[in-house]
């Protein structure tokens, strides 16, 4: 298998403009200038930090998360690449774990955005270098991260906390990512084309990517330690949601009992957490996240498997398939690409 890392394009720094207006610390701005960088999808630049790419605004949160988060054995960590079904996974896991506490009619998901109920560690809890005290949160604490497995805090790896990874085929995740960032990209920056983003994506330069390294980090760990990491795919979740939800509940330690199955609770949770239902809930219709860049409604675009065929040309699809074959070949990870 080819293990070649993507090569960053070192762009010239400019002193006349503030490259990262969202970054307040002069120390962090100086650190960013020391890193390889590429044109950013959302901000002006993205940076190669260790072995993965990240926006400048997110890097302070990533570093604080790495340095300060102390996992507990009872924690549940949901891990994804951006635009891989994260919102859907959060809603399902939250509903499975809390189903004995409240009915779906009284679920906090009806009144509170799921990203507030299951917060991102790197992009919210520790954003801007914050270091909050999380010790008072009752177990099980459920958090989300986009950080690749090798770069997770050591406490997550060394404790018996559970990690659920959701992988989406890179064709659909790319198209969803491009739409998401195009919508959120600041108006004072020049538009960025689908073709330019596609070139960067295939070279590995996308948020928390290269995507193949992200996949393989969690995939390999799921094979080595299946009680620690559950590897799910977006496509399998779409094709047989009931079966995958049962796997998920078993892994989390909240299995569905026979009476619940007879009462149809799995189907009820599946319907309640579906793309169509979640999109219609009031907390998912208005408001914004991350300093106004992300309108909450932008987390619900289509959610379809195969939508990439409406955007990628045959030559683009062939190019990306070759990247997938080269980078994932021999790993045992077989994605449903529909091409």
C-alpha atoms as a PDB file:
ATOM      1  CA  UNK A   1       0.000   0.000   0.000  1.00  0.00           C
ATOM      2  CA  UNK A   2       1.269   3.447  -0.828  1.00  0.00           C
ATOM      3  CA  UNK A   3       1.929   5.430   2.343  1.00  0.00           C
ATOM      4  CA  UNK A   4       3.069   8.627   0.663  1.00  0.00           C
ATOM      5  CA  UNK A   5       1.870  11.724   2.484  1.00  0.00           C
ATOM      6  CA  UNK A   6       0.397  14.668   0.615  1.00  0.00           C
ATOM      7  CA  UNK A   7       2.816  17.483  -0.088  1.00  0.00           C
ATOM      8  CA  UNK A   8       1.852  20.925   1.127  1.00  0.00           C
ATOM      9  CA  UNK A   9       2.268  23.967  -1.026  1.00  0.00           C
ATOM     10  CA  UNK A  10       4.231  26.504   1.023  1.00  0.00           C
ATOM     11  CA  UNK A  11       2.577  29.805   0.201  1.00  0.00           C
ATOM     12  CA  UNK A  12       4.322  33.118   0.829  1.00  0.00           C
ATOM     13  CA  UNK A  13       3.317  34.913   4.013  1.00  0.00           C
ATOM     14  CA  UNK A  14       2.065  38.450   3.782  1.00  0.00           C
ATOM     15  CA  UNK A  15       2.587  41.029   6.501  1.00  0.00           C
ATOM     16  CA  UNK A  16       0.128  43.539   5.069  1.00  0.00           C
ATOM     17  CA  UNK A  17      -2.992  41.540   5.883  1.00  0.00           C
ATOM     18  CA  UNK A  18      -4.236  39.551   8.836  1.00  0.00           C
ATOM     19  CA  UNK A  19      -4.091  36.008   7.490  1.00  0.00           C
ATOM     20  CA  UNK A  20      -6.185  34.616  10.337  1.00  0.00           C
ATOM     21  CA  UNK A  21      -8.586  37.251  11.728  1.00  0.00           C
ATOM     22  CA  UNK A  22     -10.349  34.549  13.815  1.00  0.00           C
ATOM     23  CA  UNK A  23      -7.120  33.744  15.665  1.00  0.00           C
ATOM     24  CA  UNK A  24      -6.669  36.160  18.575  1.00  0.00           C
ATOM     25  CA  UNK A  25      -3.335  35.013  20.015  1.00  0.00           C
ATOM     26  CA  UNK A  26      -0.230  36.522  18.454  1.00  0.00           C
ATOM     27  CA  UNK A  27       1.695  33.462  19.629  1.00  0.00           C
ATOM     28  CA  UNK A  28      -0.655  31.188  17.687  1.00  0.00           C
ATOM     29  CA  UNK A  29      -0.442  33.419  14.606  1.00  0.00           C
ATOM     30  CA  UNK A  30       3.335  33.123  14.771  1.00  0.00           C
ATOM     31  CA  UNK A  31       3.056  29.347  15.129  1.00  0.00           C
ATOM     32  CA  UNK A  32       0.726  29.150  12.115  1.00  0.00           C
ATOM     33  CA  UNK A  33       3.279  30.975  10.000  1.00  0.00           C
ATOM     34  CA  UNK A  34       5.773  28.192  10.775  1.00  0.00           C
ATOM     35  CA  UNK A  35       3.509  25.479   9.333  1.00  0.00           C
ATOM     36  CA  UNK A  36       3.096  24.380   5.706  1.00  0.00           C
ATOM     37  CA  UNK A  37      -0.131  25.793   4.360  1.00  0.00           C
ATOM     38  CA  UNK A  38      -2.514  25.506   1.452  1.00  0.00           C
ATOM     39  CA  UNK A  39      -5.445  27.525   0.257  1.00  0.00           C
ATOM     40  CA  UNK A  40      -8.313  26.954   2.647  1.00  0.00           C
ATOM     41  CA  UNK A  41     -11.822  25.786   1.850  1.00  0.00           C
ATOM     42  CA  UNK A  42     -13.457  27.933   4.530  1.00  0.00           C
ATOM     43  CA  UNK A  43     -10.753  30.384   5.616  1.00  0.00           C
ATOM     44  CA  UNK A  44      -7.896  31.899   3.647  1.00  0.00           C
ATOM     45  CA  UNK A  45      -5.544  29.021   4.555  1.00  0.00           C
ATOM     46  CA  UNK A  46      -5.456  25.535   5.980  1.00  0.00           C
ATOM     47  CA  UNK A  47      -2.380  24.242   7.788  1.00  0.00           C
ATOM     48  CA  UNK A  48      -0.552  20.937   7.945  1.00  0.00           C
ATOM     49  CA  UNK A  49      -0.315  20.205  11.664  1.00  0.00           C
ATOM     50  CA  UNK A  50       1.576  16.963  12.213  1.00  0.00           C
ATOM     51  CA  UNK A  51       0.015  14.610   9.690  1.00  0.00           C
ATOM     52  CA  UNK A  52      -3.348  16.281   9.109  1.00  0.00           C
ATOM     53  CA  UNK A  53      -4.809  19.496   7.738  1.00  0.00           C
ATOM     54  CA  UNK A  54      -6.735  21.956   9.878  1.00  0.00           C
ATOM     55  CA  UNK A  55      -8.021  25.518   9.636  1.00  0.00           C
ATOM     56  CA  UNK A  56      -6.231  28.123  11.689  1.00  0.00           C
ATOM     57  CA  UNK A  57      -9.313  28.927  13.784  1.00  0.00           C
ATOM     58  CA  UNK A  58      -9.654  25.261  14.787  1.00  0.00           C
ATOM     59  CA  UNK A  59      -6.007  24.577  15.621  1.00  0.00           C
ATOM     60  CA  UNK A  60      -6.041  26.246  19.041  1.00  0.00           C
ATOM     61  CA  UNK A  61      -8.953  24.014  20.004  1.00  0.00           C
ATOM     62  CA  UNK A  62      -7.239  20.912  18.654  1.00  0.00           C
ATOM     63  CA  UNK A  63      -4.075  21.624  20.645  1.00  0.00           C
ATOM     64  CA  UNK A  64      -5.960  22.387  23.866  1.00  0.00           C
ATOM     65  CA  UNK A  65      -7.997  19.197  23.406  1.00  0.00           C
ATOM     66  CA  UNK A  66      -4.842  17.145  22.910  1.00  0.00           C
ATOM     67  CA  UNK A  67      -3.124  18.649  25.931  1.00  0.00           C
ATOM     68  CA  UNK A  68      -5.973  18.829  28.439  1.00  0.00           C
ATOM     69  CA  UNK A  69      -8.735  16.292  27.820  1.00  0.00           C
ATOM     70  CA  UNK A  70      -8.816  13.497  30.376  1.00  0.00           C
ATOM     71  CA  UNK A  71     -10.998  10.623  29.213  1.00  0.00           C
ATOM     72  CA  UNK A  72     -12.978   8.444  31.606  1.00  0.00           C
ATOM     73  CA  UNK A  73     -13.642   4.737  31.126  1.00  0.00           C
ATOM     74  CA  UNK A  74     -17.366   5.469  30.764  1.00  0.00           C
ATOM     75  CA  UNK A  75     -16.909   8.078  28.000  1.00  0.00           C
ATOM     76  CA  UNK A  76     -18.207   7.645  24.473  1.00  0.00           C
ATOM     77  CA  UNK A  77     -16.273   9.394  21.709  1.00  0.00           C
ATOM     78  CA  UNK A  78     -17.886   9.792  18.295  1.00  0.00           C
ATOM     79  CA  UNK A  79     -15.292  10.289  15.561  1.00  0.00           C
ATOM     80  CA  UNK A  80     -15.837  11.342  11.961  1.00  0.00           C
ATOM     81  CA  UNK A  81     -14.430  13.356   9.132  1.00  0.00           C
ATOM     82  CA  UNK A  82     -16.465  16.508   8.440  1.00  0.00           C
ATOM     83  CA  UNK A  83     -19.660  15.902   6.439  1.00  0.00           C
ATOM     84  CA  UNK A  84     -19.738  12.156   7.030  1.00  0.00           C
ATOM     85  CA  UNK A  85     -23.043  11.852   8.864  1.00  0.00           C
ATOM     86  CA  UNK A  86     -21.841  13.343  12.147  1.00  0.00           C
ATOM     87  CA  UNK A  87     -25.127  15.047  13.028  1.00  0.00           C
ATOM     88  CA  UNK A  88     -27.079  11.858  12.298  1.00  0.00           C
ATOM     89  CA  UNK A  89     -24.739   9.710  14.396  1.00  0.00           C
ATOM     90  CA  UNK A  90     -24.947  12.131  17.312  1.00  0.00           C
ATOM     91  CA  UNK A  91     -28.744  12.031  17.313  1.00  0.00           C
ATOM     92  CA  UNK A  92     -28.864   8.224  17.142  1.00  0.00           C
ATOM     93  CA  UNK A  93     -26.307   7.677  19.915  1.00  0.00           C
ATOM     94  CA  UNK A  94     -27.943  10.292  22.144  1.00  0.00           C
ATOM     95  CA  UNK A  95     -31.353   8.672  21.655  1.00  0.00           C
ATOM     96  CA  UNK A  96     -30.070   5.141  22.289  1.00  0.00           C
ATOM     97  CA  UNK A  97     -28.290   6.079  25.515  1.00  0.00           C
ATOM     98  CA  UNK A  98     -31.118   8.232  26.895  1.00  0.00           C
ATOM     99  CA  UNK A  99     -34.119   6.169  25.796  1.00  0.00           C
ATOM    100  CA  UNK A 100     -34.862   4.976  29.371  1.00  0.00           C
ATOM    101  CA  UNK A 101     -34.636   8.523  30.733  1.00  0.00           C
ATOM    102  CA  UNK A 102     -37.033  10.286  28.397  1.00  0.00           C
ATOM    103  CA  UNK A 103     -39.407   9.389  25.605  1.00  0.00           C
ATOM    104  CA  UNK A 104     -38.786  10.594  22.084  1.00  0.00           C
ATOM    105  CA  UNK A 105     -41.691  13.023  22.468  1.00  0.00           C
ATOM    106  CA  UNK A 106     -39.869  14.610  25.404  1.00  0.00           C
ATOM    107  CA  UNK A 107     -36.362  14.257  24.005  1.00  0.00           C
ATOM    108  CA  UNK A 108     -34.127  17.326  24.424  1.00  0.00           C
ATOM    109  CA  UNK A 109     -33.428  16.918  20.698  1.00  0.00           C
ATOM    110  CA  UNK A 110     -36.833  18.528  20.137  1.00  0.00           C
ATOM    111  CA  UNK A 111     -35.698  21.760  21.744  1.00  0.00           C
ATOM    112  CA  UNK A 112     -31.888  21.789  21.658  1.00  0.00           C
ATOM    113  CA  UNK A 113     -29.512  21.443  18.722  1.00  0.00           C
ATOM    114  CA  UNK A 114     -27.741  18.090  18.798  1.00  0.00           C
ATOM    115  CA  UNK A 115     -24.336  19.774  18.510  1.00  0.00           C
ATOM    116  CA  UNK A 116     -24.992  21.358  21.905  1.00  0.00           C
ATOM    117  CA  UNK A 117     -26.095  18.060  23.445  1.00  0.00           C
ATOM    118  CA  UNK A 118     -23.132  16.123  22.011  1.00  0.00           C
ATOM    119  CA  UNK A 119     -20.453  18.804  21.612  1.00  0.00           C
ATOM    120  CA  UNK A 120     -17.285  18.719  19.544  1.00  0.00           C
ATOM    121  CA  UNK A 121     -14.199  18.548  21.720  1.00  0.00           C
ATOM    122  CA  UNK A 122     -11.840  20.148  19.201  1.00  0.00           C
ATOM    123  CA  UNK A 123     -14.284  22.573  17.567  1.00  0.00           C
ATOM    124  CA  UNK A 124     -16.356  23.675  20.563  1.00  0.00           C
ATOM    125  CA  UNK A 125     -15.373  22.525  24.061  1.00  0.00           C
ATOM    126  CA  UNK A 126     -11.711  23.518  23.635  1.00  0.00           C
ATOM    127  CA  UNK A 127     -12.210  26.111  20.879  1.00  0.00           C
ATOM    128  CA  UNK A 128      -9.910  29.153  21.174  1.00  0.00           C
ATOM    129  CA  UNK A 129      -7.713  27.299  23.649  1.00  0.00           C
ATOM    130  CA  UNK A 130     -10.327  27.029  26.377  1.00  0.00           C
ATOM    131  CA  UNK A 131      -9.788  24.436  29.104  1.00  0.00           C
ATOM    132  CA  UNK A 132     -13.123  23.905  30.865  1.00  0.00           C
ATOM    133  CA  UNK A 133     -13.679  21.607  33.838  1.00  0.00           C
ATOM    134  CA  UNK A 134     -15.612  18.616  32.473  1.00  0.00           C
ATOM    135  CA  UNK A 135     -15.386  16.490  35.617  1.00  0.00           C
ATOM    136  CA  UNK A 136     -18.891  17.369  36.787  1.00  0.00           C
ATOM    137  CA  UNK A 137     -20.658  15.999  33.702  1.00  0.00           C
ATOM    138  CA  UNK A 138     -22.496  12.810  34.736  1.00  0.00           C
ATOM    139  CA  UNK A 139     -21.580   9.578  32.928  1.00  0.00           C
ATOM    140  CA  UNK A 140     -21.726   8.556  30.242  1.00  0.00           C
ATOM    141  CA  UNK A 141     -20.175  11.680  28.758  1.00  0.00           C
ATOM    142  CA  UNK A 142     -20.631  11.710  24.994  1.00  0.00           C
ATOM    143  CA  UNK A 143     -18.368  13.888  22.858  1.00  0.00           C
ATOM    144  CA  UNK A 144     -17.422  14.225  19.207  1.00  0.00           C
ATOM    145  CA  UNK A 145     -14.134  14.837  17.428  1.00  0.00           C
ATOM    146  CA  UNK A 146     -12.730  15.131  13.915  1.00  0.00           C
ATOM    147  CA  UNK A 147      -9.139  14.513  15.058  1.00  0.00           C
ATOM    148  CA  UNK A 148      -7.455  11.418  13.485  1.00  0.00           C
ATOM    149  CA  UNK A 149      -6.863   8.416  15.742  1.00  0.00           C
ATOM    150  CA  UNK A 150      -3.052   8.739  16.041  1.00  0.00           C
ATOM    151  CA  UNK A 151      -3.436  12.359  17.183  1.00  0.00           C
ATOM    152  CA  UNK A 152      -6.089  11.770  19.853  1.00  0.00           C
ATOM    153  CA  UNK A 153      -5.163  12.506  23.482  1.00  0.00           C
ATOM    154  CA  UNK A 154      -3.394   9.582  25.112  1.00  0.00           C
ATOM    155  CA  UNK A 155      -6.123   9.259  27.744  1.00  0.00           C
ATOM    156  CA  UNK A 156      -8.657   8.281  25.066  1.00  0.00           C
ATOM    157  CA  UNK A 157      -6.365   5.521  23.858  1.00  0.00           C
ATOM    158  CA  UNK A 158      -5.337   4.223  27.286  1.00  0.00           C
ATOM    159  CA  UNK A 159      -8.754   4.114  28.981  1.00  0.00           C
ATOM    160  CA  UNK A 160     -11.587   1.732  28.144  1.00  0.00           C
ATOM    161  CA  UNK A 161     -13.777   4.526  26.783  1.00  0.00           C
ATOM    162  CA  UNK A 162     -15.587   3.538  23.604  1.00  0.00           C
ATOM    163  CA  UNK A 163     -15.009   5.113  20.185  1.00  0.00           C
ATOM    164  CA  UNK A 164     -17.634   4.995  17.429  1.00  0.00           C
ATOM    165  CA  UNK A 165     -16.297   5.897  13.989  1.00  0.00           C
ATOM    166  CA  UNK A 166     -18.611   6.690  11.078  1.00  0.00           C
ATOM    167  CA  UNK A 167     -17.022   6.524   7.621  1.00  0.00           C
ATOM    168  CA  UNK A 168     -18.732   7.935   4.527  1.00  0.00           C
ATOM    169  CA  UNK A 169     -17.581   7.217   0.986  1.00  0.00           C
ATOM    170  CA  UNK A 170     -15.274  10.040  -0.136  1.00  0.00           C
ATOM    171  CA  UNK A 171     -17.296  10.811  -3.266  1.00  0.00           C
ATOM    172  CA  UNK A 172     -20.381  11.923  -1.350  1.00  0.00           C
ATOM    173  CA  UNK A 173     -18.453  13.401   1.558  1.00  0.00           C
ATOM    174  CA  UNK A 174     -16.428  15.571  -0.833  1.00  0.00           C
ATOM    175  CA  UNK A 175     -19.530  17.008  -2.521  1.00  0.00           C
ATOM    176  CA  UNK A 176     -21.203  17.634   0.838  1.00  0.00           C
ATOM    177  CA  UNK A 177     -18.025  19.244   2.177  1.00  0.00           C
ATOM    178  CA  UNK A 178     -17.748  21.556  -0.814  1.00  0.00           C
ATOM    179  CA  UNK A 179     -21.375  22.702  -0.496  1.00  0.00           C
ATOM    180  CA  UNK A 180     -21.006  23.233   3.239  1.00  0.00           C
ATOM    181  CA  UNK A 181     -17.863  25.321   3.024  1.00  0.00           C
ATOM    182  CA  UNK A 182     -19.027  27.276  -0.024  1.00  0.00           C
ATOM    183  CA  UNK A 183     -22.077  28.359   1.926  1.00  0.00           C
ATOM    184  CA  UNK A 184     -20.070  29.282   5.038  1.00  0.00           C
ATOM    185  CA  UNK A 185     -17.065  30.869   3.301  1.00  0.00           C
ATOM    186  CA  UNK A 186     -16.695  34.544   4.323  1.00  0.00           C
ATOM    187  CA  UNK A 187     -17.884  37.003   1.687  1.00  0.00           C
ATOM    188  CA  UNK A 188     -14.595  38.913   1.741  1.00  0.00           C
ATOM    189  CA  UNK A 189     -12.748  35.885   0.354  1.00  0.00           C
ATOM    190  CA  UNK A 190     -12.802  34.960  -3.303  1.00  0.00           C
ATOM    191  CA  UNK A 191     -15.114  32.050  -4.178  1.00  0.00           C
ATOM    192  CA  UNK A 192     -13.497  28.641  -4.384  1.00  0.00           C
ATOM    193  CA  UNK A 193     -14.495  26.314  -7.201  1.00  0.00           C
ATOM    194  CA  UNK A 194     -15.512  22.684  -6.977  1.00  0.00           C
ATOM    195  CA  UNK A 195     -12.589  21.826  -9.279  1.00  0.00           C
ATOM    196  CA  UNK A 196     -10.025  23.529  -7.022  1.00  0.00           C
ATOM    197  CA  UNK A 197     -11.413  21.842  -3.929  1.00  0.00           C
ATOM    198  CA  UNK A 198     -11.425  18.500  -5.728  1.00  0.00           C
ATOM    199  CA  UNK A 199      -7.730  18.856  -6.591  1.00  0.00           C
ATOM    200  CA  UNK A 200      -6.930  19.528  -2.932  1.00  0.00           C
ATOM    201  CA  UNK A 201      -9.171  16.691  -1.734  1.00  0.00           C
ATOM    202  CA  UNK A 202      -7.452  14.167  -4.002  1.00  0.00           C
ATOM    203  CA  UNK A 203      -4.076  15.427  -2.733  1.00  0.00           C
ATOM    204  CA  UNK A 204      -5.231  14.943   0.851  1.00  0.00           C
ATOM    205  CA  UNK A 205      -5.568  18.641   1.687  1.00  0.00           C
ATOM    206  CA  UNK A 206      -9.010  18.811   3.286  1.00  0.00           C
ATOM    207  CA  UNK A 207     -10.099  19.360   6.865  1.00  0.00           C
ATOM    208  CA  UNK A 208      -8.570  16.732   9.199  1.00  0.00           C
ATOM    209  CA  UNK A 209      -7.451  14.748   6.135  1.00  0.00           C
ATOM    210  CA  UNK A 210      -5.967  13.147   4.145  1.00  0.00           C
ATOM    211  CA  UNK A 211      -9.240  11.254   4.196  1.00  0.00           C
ATOM    212  CA  UNK A 212      -7.514   7.923   3.606  1.00  0.00           C
ATOM    213  CA  UNK A 213      -5.268   8.332   6.644  1.00  0.00           C
ATOM    214  CA  UNK A 214      -8.292   9.270   8.734  1.00  0.00           C
ATOM    215  CA  UNK A 215     -10.173   6.149   7.591  1.00  0.00           C
ATOM    216  CA  UNK A 216      -7.233   3.819   8.108  1.00  0.00           C
ATOM    217  CA  UNK A 217      -6.331   5.059  11.581  1.00  0.00           C
ATOM    218  CA  UNK A 218      -9.700   4.104  13.011  1.00  0.00           C
ATOM    219  CA  UNK A 219     -10.131   1.066  10.733  1.00  0.00           C
ATOM    220  CA  UNK A 220      -6.887  -0.543  11.866  1.00  0.00           C
ATOM    221  CA  UNK A 221      -7.670   0.137  15.511  1.00  0.00           C
ATOM    222  CA  UNK A 222     -11.154  -1.377  15.125  1.00  0.00           C
ATOM    223  CA  UNK A 223      -9.558  -4.587  13.827  1.00  0.00           C
ATOM    224  CA  UNK A 224      -6.980  -4.647  16.606  1.00  0.00           C
ATOM    225  CA  UNK A 225      -9.380  -3.730  19.408  1.00  0.00           C
ATOM    226  CA  UNK A 226     -13.036  -4.242  18.396  1.00  0.00           C
ATOM    227  CA  UNK A 227     -14.268  -3.682  21.953  1.00  0.00           C
ATOM    228  CA  UNK A 228     -12.669  -0.256  21.879  1.00  0.00           C
ATOM    229  CA  UNK A 229     -13.528   0.998  18.372  1.00  0.00           C
ATOM    230  CA  UNK A 230     -16.694   0.317  16.380  1.00  0.00           C
ATOM    231  CA  UNK A 231     -16.261   1.122  12.681  1.00  0.00           C
ATOM    232  CA  UNK A 232     -19.532   1.949  10.887  1.00  0.00           C
ATOM    233  CA  UNK A 233     -20.167   3.149   7.359  1.00  0.00           C
ATOM    234  CA  UNK A 234     -22.726   5.731   6.340  1.00  0.00           C
ATOM    235  CA  UNK A 235     -23.871   3.533   3.474  1.00  0.00           C
ATOM    236  CA  UNK A 236     -24.513   0.497   5.706  1.00  0.00           C
ATOM    237  CA  UNK A 237     -26.429   2.729   8.105  1.00  0.00           C
ATOM    238  CA  UNK A 238     -28.598   3.864   5.203  1.00  0.00           C
ATOM    239  CA  UNK A 239     -29.132   0.380   3.783  1.00  0.00           C
ATOM    240  CA  UNK A 240     -30.011  -1.419   7.044  1.00  0.00           C
ATOM    241  CA  UNK A 241     -30.418   1.144   9.778  1.00  0.00           C
ATOM    242  CA  UNK A 242     -32.118  -1.285  12.178  1.00  0.00           C
ATOM    243  CA  UNK A 243     -29.284  -3.817  12.079  1.00  0.00           C
ATOM    244  CA  UNK A 244     -26.607  -1.136  12.463  1.00  0.00           C
ATOM    245  CA  UNK A 245     -28.472   0.488  15.354  1.00  0.00           C
ATOM    246  CA  UNK A 246     -28.565  -2.875  17.152  1.00  0.00           C
ATOM    247  CA  UNK A 247     -24.802  -3.245  16.624  1.00  0.00           C
ATOM    248  CA  UNK A 248     -24.312   0.266  17.915  1.00  0.00           C
ATOM    249  CA  UNK A 249     -26.485  -0.256  20.998  1.00  0.00           C
ATOM    250  CA  UNK A 250     -24.704  -3.514  21.843  1.00  0.00           C
ATOM    251  CA  UNK A 251     -21.300  -1.858  21.495  1.00  0.00           C
ATOM    252  CA  UNK A 252     -22.305   1.081  23.695  1.00  0.00           C
ATOM    253  CA  UNK A 253     -23.555  -1.236  26.434  1.00  0.00           C
ATOM    254  CA  UNK A 254     -27.202  -0.241  25.948  1.00  0.00           C
ATOM    255  CA  UNK A 255     -28.592  -3.247  24.026  1.00  0.00           C
ATOM    256  CA  UNK A 256     -32.189  -3.345  22.919  1.00  0.00           C
ATOM    257  CA  UNK A 257     -34.109  -5.982  24.875  1.00  0.00           C
ATOM    258  CA  UNK A 258     -36.763  -8.242  23.395  1.00  0.00           C
ATOM    259  CA  UNK A 259     -39.704  -6.187  24.656  1.00  0.00           C
ATOM    260  CA  UNK A 260     -38.254  -3.035  23.121  1.00  0.00           C
ATOM    261  CA  UNK A 261     -37.916  -4.733  19.770  1.00  0.00           C
ATOM    262  CA  UNK A 262     -41.520  -5.954  19.962  1.00  0.00           C
ATOM    263  CA  UNK A 263     -42.661  -2.432  20.799  1.00  0.00           C
ATOM    264  CA  UNK A 264     -40.800  -1.105  17.767  1.00  0.00           C
ATOM    265  CA  UNK A 265     -38.481   1.217  19.714  1.00  0.00           C
ATOM    266  CA  UNK A 266     -35.640   0.698  17.210  1.00  0.00           C
ATOM    267  CA  UNK A 267     -37.852   1.760  14.317  1.00  0.00           C
ATOM    268  CA  UNK A 268     -39.142   4.720  16.328  1.00  0.00           C
ATOM    269  CA  UNK A 269     -35.627   5.962  17.092  1.00  0.00           C
ATOM    270  CA  UNK A 270     -34.607   5.384  13.486  1.00  0.00           C
ATOM    271  CA  UNK A 271     -37.542   7.462  12.227  1.00  0.00           C
ATOM    272  CA  UNK A 272     -37.069  10.173  14.857  1.00  0.00           C
ATOM    273  CA  UNK A 273     -33.361  10.537  13.973  1.00  0.00           C
ATOM    274  CA  UNK A 274     -33.863  10.345  10.212  1.00  0.00           C
ATOM    275  CA  UNK A 275     -32.588  13.145   8.013  1.00  0.00           C
ATOM    276  CA  UNK A 276     -36.121  14.251   7.175  1.00  0.00           C
ATOM    277  CA  UNK A 277     -37.322  14.327  10.790  1.00  0.00           C
ATOM    278  CA  UNK A 278     -34.243  16.032  12.203  1.00  0.00           C
ATOM    279  CA  UNK A 279     -34.336  18.717   9.527  1.00  0.00           C
ATOM    280  CA  UNK A 280     -37.872  19.683  10.598  1.00  0.00           C
ATOM    281  CA  UNK A 281     -37.062  20.133  14.293  1.00  0.00           C
ATOM    282  CA  UNK A 282     -37.030  23.808  15.273  1.00  0.00           C
ATOM    283  CA  UNK A 283     -33.492  23.892  16.784  1.00  0.00           C
ATOM    284  CA  UNK A 284     -32.157  22.663  13.436  1.00  0.00           C
ATOM    285  CA  UNK A 285     -33.837  25.381  11.379  1.00  0.00           C
ATOM    286  CA  UNK A 286     -32.300  28.614  12.617  1.00  0.00           C
ATOM    287  CA  UNK A 287     -29.293  29.976  14.455  1.00  0.00           C
ATOM    288  CA  UNK A 288     -25.606  29.554  13.817  1.00  0.00           C
ATOM    289  CA  UNK A 289     -22.503  27.796  15.083  1.00  0.00           C
ATOM    290  CA  UNK A 290     -18.822  28.748  15.316  1.00  0.00           C
ATOM    291  CA  UNK A 291     -19.039  32.499  15.447  1.00  0.00           C
ATOM    292  CA  UNK A 292     -21.690  32.785  12.791  1.00  0.00           C
ATOM    293  CA  UNK A 293     -19.915  30.895  10.010  1.00  0.00           C
ATOM    294  CA  UNK A 294     -22.178  27.831  10.104  1.00  0.00           C
ATOM    295  CA  UNK A 295     -25.934  28.279   9.899  1.00  0.00           C
ATOM    296  CA  UNK A 296     -27.471  25.263  11.632  1.00  0.00           C
ATOM    297  CA  UNK A 297     -29.685  24.541   8.632  1.00  0.00           C
ATOM    298  CA  UNK A 298     -26.548  23.936   6.560  1.00  0.00           C
ATOM    299  CA  UNK A 299     -26.005  20.686   8.455  1.00  0.00           C
ATOM    300  CA  UNK A 300     -29.031  19.302   6.596  1.00  0.00           C
ATOM    301  CA  UNK A 301     -28.598  19.485   2.828  1.00  0.00           C
ATOM    302  CA  UNK A 302     -29.502  16.110   1.257  1.00  0.00           C
ATOM    303  CA  UNK A 303     -27.882  13.205   3.032  1.00  0.00           C
ATOM    304  CA  UNK A 304     -28.282  11.001  -0.033  1.00  0.00           C
ATOM    305  CA  UNK A 305     -26.031   8.145  -1.094  1.00  0.00           C
ATOM    306  CA  UNK A 306     -24.837   8.715  -4.669  1.00  0.00           C
ATOM    307  CA  UNK A 307     -25.551  12.449  -4.889  1.00  0.00           C
ATOM    308  CA  UNK A 308     -21.939  12.906  -6.048  1.00  0.00           C
ATOM    309  CA  UNK A 309     -23.003  11.698  -9.514  1.00  0.00           C
ATOM    310  CA  UNK A 310     -24.793  15.028  -9.971  1.00  0.00           C
ATOM    311  CA  UNK A 311     -21.541  16.952  -9.531  1.00  0.00           C
ATOM    312  CA  UNK A 312     -18.460  14.941 -10.507  1.00  0.00           C
ATOM    313  CA  UNK A 313     -17.579  14.335 -14.143  1.00  0.00           C
ATOM    314  CA  UNK A 314     -16.618  10.798 -15.247  1.00  0.00           C
ATOM    315  CA  UNK A 315     -12.952  11.809 -15.341  1.00  0.00           C
ATOM    316  CA  UNK A 316     -13.139  13.236 -11.799  1.00  0.00           C
ATOM    317  CA  UNK A 317     -14.830  10.074 -10.549  1.00  0.00           C
ATOM    318  CA  UNK A 318     -12.174   7.928 -12.190  1.00  0.00           C
ATOM    319  CA  UNK A 319      -9.415  10.017 -10.646  1.00  0.00           C
ATOM    320  CA  UNK A 320     -10.858   9.764  -7.145  1.00  0.00           C
ATOM    321  CA  UNK A 321     -11.451   6.030  -7.500  1.00  0.00           C
ATOM    322  CA  UNK A 322      -7.790   5.569  -8.379  1.00  0.00           C
ATOM    323  CA  UNK A 323      -6.827   7.505  -5.240  1.00  0.00           C
ATOM    324  CA  UNK A 324      -9.100   5.293  -3.132  1.00  0.00           C
ATOM    325  CA  UNK A 325      -7.748   2.107  -4.705  1.00  0.00           C
ATOM    326  CA  UNK A 326      -4.145   3.231  -4.215  1.00  0.00           C
ATOM    327  CA  UNK A 327      -4.482   4.465  -0.647  1.00  0.00           C
ATOM    328  CA  UNK A 328      -6.869   1.831   0.746  1.00  0.00           C
ATOM    329  CA  UNK A 329      -5.782  -1.164  -1.327  1.00  0.00           C
ATOM    330  CA  UNK A 330      -4.768  -4.123   0.811  1.00  0.00           C
ATOM    331  CA  UNK A 331      -6.289  -2.682   3.998  1.00  0.00           C
ATOM    332  CA  UNK A 332      -9.433  -4.801   3.897  1.00  0.00           C
ATOM    333  CA  UNK A 333     -11.558  -1.660   4.028  1.00  0.00           C
ATOM    334  CA  UNK A 334     -13.988  -1.898   1.129  1.00  0.00           C
ATOM    335  CA  UNK A 335     -16.179   1.144   0.570  1.00  0.00           C
ATOM    336  CA  UNK A 336     -19.464   1.183  -1.339  1.00  0.00           C
ATOM    337  CA  UNK A 337     -18.564   3.676  -4.052  1.00  0.00           C
ATOM    338  CA  UNK A 338     -21.386   3.071  -6.524  1.00  0.00           C
ATOM    339  CA  UNK A 339     -18.980   3.424  -9.425  1.00  0.00           C
END
